[in-house]
Protein backbone atom coordinates (compact mmCIF):
# COMPACT_ATOMS: atom_id res chain seq x y z
CA MET A 1 77.43 95.58 100.04
CA VAL A 2 74.56 94.44 102.12
CA GLN A 3 73.21 90.40 100.95
CA ALA A 4 69.81 90.29 99.98
CA LEU A 5 67.26 89.10 102.48
CA ILE A 6 65.28 87.50 99.85
CA PRO A 7 67.57 86.40 96.69
CA LYS A 8 66.28 87.41 93.72
CA GLY A 9 63.40 89.33 95.18
CA ILE A 10 61.93 92.67 94.85
CA ALA A 11 61.31 93.41 98.29
CA THR A 12 63.43 96.14 99.61
CA PRO A 13 63.87 96.16 103.61
CA ARG A 14 62.11 99.01 104.03
CA LEU A 15 58.66 97.23 102.67
CA ILE A 16 59.67 93.69 104.41
CA ALA A 17 59.99 95.78 107.80
CA HIS A 18 56.31 97.29 107.24
CA ILE A 19 55.08 94.22 106.17
CA VAL A 20 56.52 92.73 109.07
CA ILE A 21 55.49 95.36 111.52
CA PHE A 22 52.05 95.98 110.67
CA GLU A 23 51.57 91.46 110.77
CA PHE A 24 53.37 91.14 114.07
CA GLU A 25 52.93 94.67 115.89
CA ASP A 26 49.63 96.16 114.87
CA VAL A 27 47.95 92.80 114.23
CA LEU A 28 46.82 93.51 110.53
CA PRO A 29 46.64 89.95 108.95
CA LEU A 30 48.34 89.98 105.36
CA TYR A 31 44.98 89.67 103.13
CA ARG A 32 44.59 93.56 104.93
CA HIS A 33 47.59 94.55 103.46
CA GLU A 34 46.54 93.59 99.96
CA GLU A 35 43.97 96.98 99.69
CA PRO A 36 46.34 99.71 100.79
CA PHE A 37 49.07 98.46 98.08
CA ALA A 38 46.26 98.03 95.76
CA ARG A 39 45.33 102.22 95.66
CA LYS A 40 49.06 102.88 95.38
CA GLY A 41 48.94 100.70 92.26
CA MET A 42 50.81 97.82 93.72
CA ASP A 43 49.86 94.31 92.94
CA LEU A 44 50.84 92.65 95.92
CA ARG A 45 49.19 89.24 96.62
CA ARG A 46 49.02 88.17 100.28
CA GLN A 47 50.69 84.58 99.20
CA THR A 48 54.05 86.62 98.03
CA MET A 49 53.95 88.64 101.36
CA ALA A 50 53.54 84.83 103.20
CA ASP A 51 56.35 83.95 101.33
CA TRP A 52 58.63 86.81 102.32
CA MET A 53 57.83 86.08 106.00
CA ILE A 54 58.57 82.75 105.72
CA ALA A 55 62.29 83.70 104.54
CA VAL A 56 62.46 86.55 107.13
CA ALA A 57 61.58 83.72 110.09
CA ALA A 58 64.26 81.67 108.49
CA ALA A 59 66.65 84.36 108.65
CA ALA A 60 66.10 85.52 112.18
CA ASN A 61 66.52 81.83 113.43
CA PRO A 62 70.40 82.18 114.17
CA VAL A 63 69.45 85.37 116.24
CA LEU A 64 66.31 83.74 117.72
CA ALA A 65 68.25 80.42 118.82
CA ALA A 66 71.40 82.69 120.35
CA VAL A 67 68.59 84.50 122.69
CA LYS A 68 67.31 81.43 123.50
CA ARG A 69 70.57 79.65 124.65
CA ARG A 70 71.52 83.07 126.35
CA LEU A 71 68.22 82.52 128.33
CA ARG A 72 68.19 79.11 129.24
CA GLY A 73 72.07 78.91 129.87
CA GLY A 74 71.60 81.35 132.72
CA PRO A 75 70.18 80.60 136.65
CA ALA A 76 67.10 82.16 136.19
CA VAL A 77 65.00 83.93 133.68
CA PRO A 78 64.42 87.59 133.63
CA VAL A 79 60.60 88.01 133.51
CA ASP A 80 58.52 91.14 132.82
CA GLU A 81 55.15 91.03 134.69
CA THR A 82 53.14 93.41 132.36
CA PRO A 83 49.72 92.76 131.98
CA SER A 84 49.28 91.53 128.93
CA ARG A 85 45.81 90.61 126.80
CA LYS A 86 47.21 86.98 126.38
CA ALA A 87 45.52 84.36 128.73
CA CYS A 88 48.91 83.14 130.27
CA ASP A 89 52.70 84.38 130.17
CA LEU A 90 54.91 81.44 130.18
CA TYR A 91 58.95 81.75 130.04
CA THR A 92 60.77 78.17 130.04
CA ARG A 93 64.52 77.63 130.95
CA GLN A 94 66.14 73.85 130.05
CA GLY A 95 66.21 72.21 133.49
CA THR A 96 69.60 70.13 134.94
CA ARG A 97 67.69 66.58 133.97
CA GLY A 98 66.21 67.19 130.83
CA SER A 99 62.65 68.57 131.88
CA PRO A 100 61.78 72.31 131.58
CA ASP A 101 61.59 75.45 134.55
CA ALA A 102 58.67 77.67 133.75
CA TYR A 103 56.99 80.47 135.47
CA CYS A 104 53.41 80.73 133.80
CA ARG A 105 50.47 82.82 135.57
CA SER A 106 47.32 83.97 134.34
CA ALA A 107 46.71 86.53 136.76
CA PRO A 108 48.98 89.21 138.94
CA MET A 109 50.39 87.45 142.08
CA SER A 110 48.95 88.92 145.14
CA ARG A 111 52.62 89.55 147.13
CA ARG A 112 55.98 89.84 146.04
CA SER A 113 58.68 87.87 147.84
CA ALA A 114 61.23 86.16 147.27
CA SER A 115 59.23 82.51 148.15
CA VAL A 116 57.05 83.44 145.22
CA ALA A 117 59.90 83.96 142.48
CA THR A 118 61.88 80.82 144.40
CA ALA A 119 58.55 78.59 143.72
CA ALA A 120 58.05 79.86 140.04
CA VAL A 121 61.68 78.73 139.00
CA THR A 122 62.54 76.10 140.54
CA SER A 123 59.21 74.19 140.41
CA GLU A 124 59.57 70.36 139.21
CA ILE A 125 57.74 70.23 135.73
CA THR A 126 56.79 66.94 133.65
CA ALA A 127 54.76 68.38 131.01
CA PRO A 128 57.05 68.41 127.52
CA GLU A 129 58.69 71.93 126.84
CA ILE A 130 55.94 74.29 125.41
CA ASP A 131 57.08 77.02 123.37
CA SER A 132 56.07 79.02 120.12
CA GLU A 133 57.43 76.28 117.66
CA ASN A 134 55.36 73.48 118.82
CA ARG A 135 51.88 75.08 120.20
CA ASP A 136 49.09 74.34 118.24
CA ASP A 137 47.09 77.74 119.06
CA ASP A 138 47.49 81.09 120.63
CA SER A 139 45.63 79.99 123.68
CA PRO A 140 46.71 76.78 125.23
CA ASP A 141 45.53 75.52 128.64
CA PHE A 142 48.89 75.68 130.92
CA SER A 143 46.85 74.56 133.94
CA GLN A 144 48.70 71.32 134.29
CA VAL A 145 51.82 73.11 133.66
CA ILE A 146 52.24 74.53 137.21
């Protein structure tokens, strides 16, 4: 038998997956979930859904940590240069002297040569490591990083 993601909880894996996908993939805030559930006769409050999201994040932490270790342990960080709606794409890897290497750009590169990739991966950075756990907002100013 599969262990429940939320001990003694009533949420099924399907319901949790639904909420997580609508929250992160479809960017639908939790308060917007309440009305459709109410129309179906479910009294499901946003605080309950937020608690479930916290439980999902805690359960996913070991997987996320393993992915980060794997990425940071290699000689290079694979990068998808597909344009995104975010102001800046940032990828970090722990450097040999404790400072992170970063690849950060806010506009597409004008040329694709080995020198561009080498400069991006080997640049010395003195700013503290920046990742999703310690950012204050979704659009920080990365101009001082590179």
